[in-house]
N, C-alpha and C. Protein backbone atom coordinates (compact mmCIF):
# COMPACT_ATOMS: atom_id res chain seq x y z
N MET A 1 230.49 40.42 -42.91
CA MET A 1 230.64 41.46 -41.91
C MET A 1 230.98 42.78 -42.61
N VAL A 2 230.25 43.80 -42.24
CA VAL A 2 230.44 45.13 -42.82
C VAL A 2 231.57 45.83 -42.07
N PRO A 3 232.49 46.48 -42.79
CA PRO A 3 233.56 47.22 -42.08
C PRO A 3 232.98 48.28 -41.16
N TYR A 4 233.74 48.58 -40.11
CA TYR A 4 233.27 49.49 -39.06
C TYR A 4 232.91 50.87 -39.61
N HIS A 5 233.71 51.41 -40.50
CA HIS A 5 233.47 52.76 -41.01
C HIS A 5 232.21 52.87 -41.86
N TRP A 6 231.79 51.77 -42.45
CA TRP A 6 230.59 51.81 -43.28
C TRP A 6 229.33 52.00 -42.45
N GLN A 7 229.40 51.78 -41.16
CA GLN A 7 228.23 51.98 -40.30
C GLN A 7 227.86 53.46 -40.20
N TYR A 8 228.81 54.34 -40.47
CA TYR A 8 228.56 55.78 -40.39
C TYR A 8 228.08 56.36 -41.71
N LEU A 9 227.94 55.54 -42.74
CA LEU A 9 227.51 56.04 -44.04
C LEU A 9 226.12 56.69 -44.00
N PRO A 10 225.10 56.10 -43.34
CA PRO A 10 223.80 56.78 -43.29
C PRO A 10 223.87 58.15 -42.60
N LEU A 11 224.67 58.26 -41.55
CA LEU A 11 224.82 59.54 -40.86
C LEU A 11 225.51 60.55 -41.77
N LEU A 12 226.54 60.12 -42.47
CA LEU A 12 227.24 61.00 -43.39
C LEU A 12 226.32 61.47 -44.52
N MET A 13 225.49 60.56 -45.00
CA MET A 13 224.54 60.93 -46.06
C MET A 13 223.52 61.94 -45.54
N GLN A 14 223.05 61.78 -44.33
CA GLN A 14 222.08 62.71 -43.76
C GLN A 14 222.70 64.09 -43.57
N VAL A 15 223.92 64.15 -43.07
CA VAL A 15 224.59 65.43 -42.90
C VAL A 15 224.81 66.10 -44.26
N ALA A 16 225.21 65.31 -45.27
CA ALA A 16 225.43 65.87 -46.61
C ALA A 16 224.15 66.43 -47.19
N VAL A 17 223.04 65.72 -47.02
CA VAL A 17 221.75 66.20 -47.53
C VAL A 17 221.34 67.48 -46.80
N ALA A 18 221.55 67.55 -45.49
CA ALA A 18 221.19 68.75 -44.73
C ALA A 18 222.01 69.95 -45.18
N VAL A 19 223.31 69.76 -45.37
CA VAL A 19 224.18 70.86 -45.81
C VAL A 19 223.80 71.29 -47.21
N LEU A 20 223.60 70.34 -48.11
CA LEU A 20 223.22 70.68 -49.48
C LEU A 20 221.87 71.37 -49.54
N LEU A 21 220.94 70.94 -48.72
CA LEU A 21 219.63 71.57 -48.68
C LEU A 21 219.73 73.02 -48.20
N GLY A 22 220.52 73.25 -47.14
CA GLY A 22 220.70 74.61 -46.64
C GLY A 22 221.38 75.51 -47.66
N VAL A 23 222.46 75.02 -48.27
CA VAL A 23 223.17 75.80 -49.29
C VAL A 23 222.27 76.04 -50.49
N GLY A 24 221.50 75.03 -50.87
CA GLY A 24 220.60 75.18 -52.01
C GLY A 24 219.51 76.22 -51.76
N MET A 25 218.96 76.25 -50.56
CA MET A 25 217.92 77.25 -50.26
C MET A 25 218.48 78.66 -50.26
N VAL A 26 219.67 78.84 -49.69
CA VAL A 26 220.28 80.17 -49.68
C VAL A 26 220.62 80.60 -51.10
N ALA A 27 221.18 79.70 -51.91
CA ALA A 27 221.52 80.03 -53.29
C ALA A 27 220.27 80.34 -54.10
N ALA A 28 219.22 79.55 -53.92
CA ALA A 28 217.98 79.79 -54.67
C ALA A 28 217.37 81.14 -54.29
N SER A 29 217.39 81.51 -53.02
CA SER A 29 216.84 82.80 -52.62
C SER A 29 217.67 83.95 -53.18
N TRP A 30 218.98 83.74 -53.31
CA TRP A 30 219.83 84.79 -53.86
C TRP A 30 219.54 84.99 -55.35
N PHE A 31 219.33 83.87 -56.07
CA PHE A 31 219.05 83.98 -57.50
C PHE A 31 217.65 84.51 -57.77
N VAL A 32 216.68 84.12 -56.97
CA VAL A 32 215.29 84.51 -57.20
C VAL A 32 215.00 85.92 -56.68
N GLY A 33 215.62 86.30 -55.58
CA GLY A 33 215.33 87.58 -54.94
C GLY A 33 215.80 88.77 -55.75
N GLN A 34 215.19 89.92 -55.45
CA GLN A 34 215.55 91.17 -56.12
C GLN A 34 216.61 91.88 -55.29
N HIS A 35 217.62 92.41 -55.96
CA HIS A 35 218.71 93.09 -55.26
C HIS A 35 218.76 94.54 -55.71
N ARG A 36 217.97 95.36 -55.06
CA ARG A 36 217.98 96.79 -55.35
C ARG A 36 218.32 97.53 -54.05
N ASN A 37 219.57 97.66 -53.80
CA ASN A 37 220.00 98.35 -52.59
C ASN A 37 219.93 99.85 -52.78
N ASN A 38 219.24 100.53 -51.89
CA ASN A 38 219.18 101.99 -51.93
C ASN A 38 219.45 102.52 -50.52
N ARG A 39 219.41 103.83 -50.37
CA ARG A 39 219.76 104.45 -49.09
C ARG A 39 218.79 104.04 -47.97
N VAL A 40 217.51 103.98 -48.28
CA VAL A 40 216.52 103.63 -47.27
C VAL A 40 216.67 102.16 -46.86
N LYS A 41 216.91 101.29 -47.81
CA LYS A 41 217.02 99.87 -47.52
C LYS A 41 218.27 99.55 -46.71
N LEU A 42 219.33 100.30 -46.89
CA LEU A 42 220.58 100.04 -46.18
C LEU A 42 220.70 100.78 -44.86
N SER A 43 219.71 101.61 -44.51
CA SER A 43 219.79 102.37 -43.26
C SER A 43 219.45 101.47 -42.07
N THR A 44 219.88 101.89 -40.89
CA THR A 44 219.61 101.14 -39.67
C THR A 44 218.14 101.24 -39.32
N TYR A 45 217.55 100.11 -38.93
CA TYR A 45 216.13 100.09 -38.57
C TYR A 45 215.99 99.50 -37.17
N GLU A 46 215.34 100.23 -36.30
CA GLU A 46 215.12 99.75 -34.94
C GLU A 46 213.72 100.13 -34.52
N SER A 47 212.79 99.25 -34.70
CA SER A 47 211.40 99.44 -34.28
C SER A 47 210.76 100.68 -34.89
N GLY A 48 211.18 101.05 -36.07
CA GLY A 48 210.58 102.18 -36.74
C GLY A 48 211.04 103.53 -36.24
N ILE A 49 212.02 103.55 -35.36
CA ILE A 49 212.50 104.81 -34.78
C ILE A 49 213.89 105.09 -35.35
N GLU A 50 214.12 106.33 -35.70
CA GLU A 50 215.43 106.72 -36.19
C GLU A 50 216.47 106.56 -35.08
N PRO A 51 217.60 105.94 -35.38
CA PRO A 51 218.63 105.78 -34.34
C PRO A 51 219.24 107.13 -33.96
N VAL A 52 219.34 107.37 -32.65
CA VAL A 52 219.89 108.62 -32.14
C VAL A 52 220.95 108.27 -31.10
N GLY A 53 222.09 108.90 -31.17
CA GLY A 53 223.12 108.70 -30.16
C GLY A 53 224.01 107.52 -30.45
N ASP A 54 224.84 107.22 -29.46
CA ASP A 54 225.81 106.16 -29.58
C ASP A 54 225.20 104.84 -29.13
N ALA A 55 225.53 103.77 -29.82
CA ALA A 55 225.01 102.45 -29.46
C ALA A 55 225.73 101.86 -28.26
N ARG A 56 226.81 102.49 -27.84
CA ARG A 56 227.58 101.97 -26.71
C ARG A 56 227.18 102.67 -25.42
N GLY A 57 225.90 102.68 -25.13
CA GLY A 57 225.41 103.30 -23.91
C GLY A 57 225.79 102.49 -22.69
N ARG A 58 225.81 103.14 -21.55
CA ARG A 58 226.15 102.46 -20.31
C ARG A 58 224.90 101.94 -19.64
N PHE A 59 225.00 100.76 -19.08
CA PHE A 59 223.91 100.16 -18.34
C PHE A 59 224.09 100.44 -16.86
N SER A 60 222.98 100.53 -16.17
CA SER A 60 223.01 100.72 -14.73
C SER A 60 223.51 99.44 -14.06
N VAL A 61 224.09 99.60 -12.89
CA VAL A 61 224.55 98.45 -12.12
C VAL A 61 223.36 97.56 -11.76
N ARG A 62 222.19 98.16 -11.61
CA ARG A 62 220.98 97.41 -11.27
C ARG A 62 220.69 96.32 -12.31
N PHE A 63 220.98 96.59 -13.56
CA PHE A 63 220.78 95.60 -14.61
C PHE A 63 221.59 94.34 -14.33
N TYR A 64 222.84 94.53 -13.96
CA TYR A 64 223.72 93.39 -13.70
C TYR A 64 223.33 92.69 -12.40
N MET A 65 222.86 93.43 -11.44
CA MET A 65 222.43 92.80 -10.18
C MET A 65 221.19 91.94 -10.40
N VAL A 66 220.29 92.38 -11.27
CA VAL A 66 219.12 91.56 -11.60
C VAL A 66 219.57 90.28 -12.29
N ALA A 67 220.60 90.37 -13.13
CA ALA A 67 221.13 89.17 -13.78
C ALA A 67 221.70 88.21 -12.74
N VAL A 68 222.38 88.73 -11.74
CA VAL A 68 222.92 87.88 -10.68
C VAL A 68 221.79 87.22 -9.89
N ILE A 69 220.73 87.97 -9.63
CA ILE A 69 219.57 87.41 -8.92
C ILE A 69 218.97 86.27 -9.73
N PHE A 70 218.82 86.50 -11.04
CA PHE A 70 218.26 85.45 -11.89
C PHE A 70 219.12 84.19 -11.83
N ILE A 71 220.42 84.35 -11.92
CA ILE A 71 221.31 83.19 -11.87
C ILE A 71 221.19 82.49 -10.52
N LEU A 72 221.12 83.26 -9.45
CA LEU A 72 221.01 82.69 -8.11
C LEU A 72 219.76 81.82 -7.97
N PHE A 73 218.61 82.35 -8.39
CA PHE A 73 217.37 81.59 -8.25
C PHE A 73 217.29 80.46 -9.27
N ASP A 74 217.85 80.65 -10.45
CA ASP A 74 217.82 79.62 -11.47
C ASP A 74 218.66 78.42 -11.05
N VAL A 75 219.85 78.69 -10.54
CA VAL A 75 220.73 77.60 -10.10
C VAL A 75 220.12 76.89 -8.91
N GLU A 76 219.42 77.63 -8.08
CA GLU A 76 218.75 76.98 -6.94
C GLU A 76 217.76 75.93 -7.41
N ALA A 77 216.95 76.29 -8.39
CA ALA A 77 215.97 75.34 -8.91
C ALA A 77 216.64 74.16 -9.59
N VAL A 78 217.72 74.41 -10.29
CA VAL A 78 218.43 73.33 -10.99
C VAL A 78 219.00 72.33 -10.00
N PHE A 79 219.47 72.78 -8.85
CA PHE A 79 220.04 71.85 -7.88
C PHE A 79 219.00 71.21 -6.96
N MET A 80 217.94 71.94 -6.64
CA MET A 80 216.99 71.40 -5.66
C MET A 80 216.01 70.40 -6.26
N MET A 81 215.62 70.58 -7.51
CA MET A 81 214.64 69.66 -8.09
C MET A 81 215.16 68.22 -8.18
N PRO A 82 216.33 67.97 -8.73
CA PRO A 82 216.81 66.58 -8.75
C PRO A 82 217.03 66.02 -7.35
N TRP A 83 217.49 66.85 -6.44
CA TRP A 83 217.69 66.40 -5.06
C TRP A 83 216.37 65.97 -4.45
N ALA A 84 215.31 66.75 -4.69
CA ALA A 84 214.00 66.40 -4.14
C ALA A 84 213.46 65.12 -4.77
N VAL A 85 213.75 64.90 -6.03
CA VAL A 85 213.25 63.71 -6.71
C VAL A 85 213.91 62.45 -6.16
N ILE A 86 215.22 62.50 -5.87
CA ILE A 86 215.91 61.29 -5.42
C ILE A 86 216.09 61.25 -3.90
N TYR A 87 215.42 62.11 -3.15
CA TYR A 87 215.65 62.16 -1.71
C TYR A 87 215.39 60.82 -1.03
N ARG A 88 214.36 60.13 -1.43
CA ARG A 88 214.05 58.84 -0.79
C ARG A 88 215.05 57.75 -1.16
N LYS A 89 215.76 57.93 -2.27
CA LYS A 89 216.75 56.94 -2.69
C LYS A 89 218.15 57.28 -2.19
N LEU A 90 218.32 58.38 -1.46
CA LEU A 90 219.64 58.78 -1.00
C LEU A 90 220.33 57.73 -0.13
N PRO A 91 219.63 57.01 0.75
CA PRO A 91 220.35 55.97 1.52
C PRO A 91 220.97 54.90 0.64
N GLN A 92 220.34 54.58 -0.48
CA GLN A 92 220.90 53.58 -1.39
C GLN A 92 222.09 54.15 -2.16
N ILE A 93 222.05 55.43 -2.46
CA ILE A 93 223.10 56.05 -3.27
C ILE A 93 224.31 56.41 -2.42
N THR A 94 224.08 57.11 -1.30
CA THR A 94 225.19 57.62 -0.49
C THR A 94 225.46 56.77 0.74
N GLY A 95 224.55 55.90 1.09
CA GLY A 95 224.71 55.11 2.30
C GLY A 95 224.06 55.75 3.52
N SER A 96 223.68 57.01 3.42
CA SER A 96 223.07 57.71 4.55
C SER A 96 222.16 58.81 4.03
N ARG A 97 220.96 58.87 4.59
CA ARG A 97 220.04 59.94 4.21
C ARG A 97 220.50 61.27 4.80
N LEU A 98 221.16 61.23 5.97
CA LEU A 98 221.61 62.46 6.60
C LEU A 98 222.69 63.17 5.79
N PHE A 99 223.52 62.42 5.06
CA PHE A 99 224.54 63.05 4.22
C PHE A 99 223.88 63.95 3.18
N GLY A 100 222.87 63.44 2.50
CA GLY A 100 222.16 64.23 1.50
C GLY A 100 221.43 65.41 2.11
N PHE A 101 220.89 65.21 3.31
CA PHE A 101 220.19 66.30 4.00
C PHE A 101 221.16 67.43 4.34
N TRP A 102 222.30 67.09 4.94
CA TRP A 102 223.26 68.12 5.33
C TRP A 102 223.92 68.78 4.12
N GLU A 103 224.04 68.02 3.05
CA GLU A 103 224.55 68.60 1.82
C GLU A 103 223.62 69.71 1.32
N MET A 104 222.31 69.47 1.38
CA MET A 104 221.35 70.49 0.96
C MET A 104 221.29 71.64 1.95
N VAL A 105 221.49 71.37 3.23
CA VAL A 105 221.52 72.45 4.22
C VAL A 105 222.69 73.39 3.93
N VAL A 106 223.85 72.84 3.59
CA VAL A 106 225.01 73.68 3.24
C VAL A 106 224.69 74.50 2.00
N TYR A 107 224.10 73.88 1.00
CA TYR A 107 223.75 74.61 -0.23
C TYR A 107 222.76 75.74 0.08
N LEU A 108 221.73 75.44 0.87
CA LEU A 108 220.76 76.47 1.22
C LEU A 108 221.41 77.57 2.06
N GLY A 109 222.45 77.24 2.81
CA GLY A 109 223.20 78.27 3.55
C GLY A 109 223.87 79.24 2.59
N PHE A 110 224.50 78.71 1.54
CA PHE A 110 225.09 79.59 0.51
C PHE A 110 224.01 80.43 -0.16
N PHE A 111 222.88 79.80 -0.44
CA PHE A 111 221.77 80.51 -1.06
C PHE A 111 221.27 81.63 -0.13
N ALA A 112 221.17 81.34 1.15
CA ALA A 112 220.70 82.34 2.11
C ALA A 112 221.67 83.52 2.20
N VAL A 113 222.97 83.25 2.10
CA VAL A 113 223.96 84.34 2.11
C VAL A 113 223.75 85.23 0.88
N GLY A 114 223.53 84.62 -0.27
CA GLY A 114 223.27 85.40 -1.48
C GLY A 114 221.99 86.20 -1.38
N LEU A 115 220.95 85.60 -0.83
CA LEU A 115 219.69 86.31 -0.65
C LEU A 115 219.84 87.45 0.35
N TYR A 116 220.61 87.23 1.42
CA TYR A 116 220.87 88.28 2.40
C TYR A 116 221.59 89.46 1.73
N TYR A 117 222.56 89.15 0.89
CA TYR A 117 223.30 90.20 0.18
C TYR A 117 222.36 91.01 -0.70
N ILE A 118 221.45 90.33 -1.40
CA ILE A 118 220.51 91.01 -2.29
C ILE A 118 219.59 91.94 -1.50
N VAL A 119 219.06 91.45 -0.40
CA VAL A 119 218.15 92.26 0.41
C VAL A 119 218.91 93.40 1.07
N ARG A 120 220.11 93.14 1.55
CA ARG A 120 220.92 94.16 2.23
C ARG A 120 221.30 95.30 1.29
N LYS A 121 221.60 94.96 0.04
CA LYS A 121 221.95 95.98 -0.95
C LYS A 121 220.74 96.74 -1.47
N GLY A 122 219.54 96.23 -1.22
CA GLY A 122 218.33 96.91 -1.67
C GLY A 122 218.03 96.67 -3.14
N ILE A 123 218.51 95.58 -3.68
CA ILE A 123 218.28 95.30 -5.10
C ILE A 123 216.80 95.03 -5.36
N LEU A 124 216.12 94.45 -4.42
CA LEU A 124 214.71 94.13 -4.61
C LEU A 124 213.81 95.34 -4.41
N ASN A 125 214.34 96.45 -3.97
CA ASN A 125 213.57 97.67 -3.74
C ASN A 125 213.62 98.52 -5.01
N TRP A 126 212.60 98.43 -5.83
CA TRP A 126 212.57 99.13 -7.10
C TRP A 126 211.93 100.51 -6.98
N SER A 127 211.48 100.90 -5.79
CA SER A 127 210.81 102.19 -5.64
C SER A 127 211.80 103.35 -5.66
N GLN A 128 213.06 103.09 -5.35
CA GLN A 128 214.07 104.15 -5.35
C GLN A 128 214.98 103.99 -6.55
N ASP A 129 215.53 105.11 -6.99
CA ASP A 129 216.50 105.06 -8.05
C ASP A 129 217.88 105.27 -7.44
N LYS A 130 218.59 104.17 -7.28
CA LYS A 130 219.91 104.27 -6.66
C LYS A 130 220.96 104.20 -7.77
N ALA A 131 221.79 105.19 -7.84
CA ALA A 131 222.83 105.21 -8.86
C ALA A 131 224.00 104.34 -8.45
N ASP A 132 224.32 104.34 -7.16
CA ASP A 132 225.46 103.55 -6.71
C ASP A 132 224.99 102.47 -5.75
N LEU A 133 225.13 101.24 -6.18
CA LEU A 133 224.75 100.12 -5.32
C LEU A 133 225.98 99.61 -4.68
């Protein structure tokens, strides 16, 4: 019988090889590469355009509202797809198909409130430039 800890030896060897390989590649590139730092090489590069102004610019509130919309619709898909897949098995899981149905109705109610808020605030209306939402 092999001791319990020896079962992890192949995993430990694989991790050691991966770490050594990564360190070896970085070290080899450092030794092989040319290191001639000059003013042009050390300057900031952003799509070929000279950087102008402060990097700490302010974002519009619309940017954050779009992020909230994305999260709202993304979470909706994450919750509805598994529910739709197991809908026919809900009586076996919960004991009642109506429990799963009403659970999704409550969730869609929360979703509808979020969608109402988005439409009411005019976030989906991109034709106007609103500074204060």
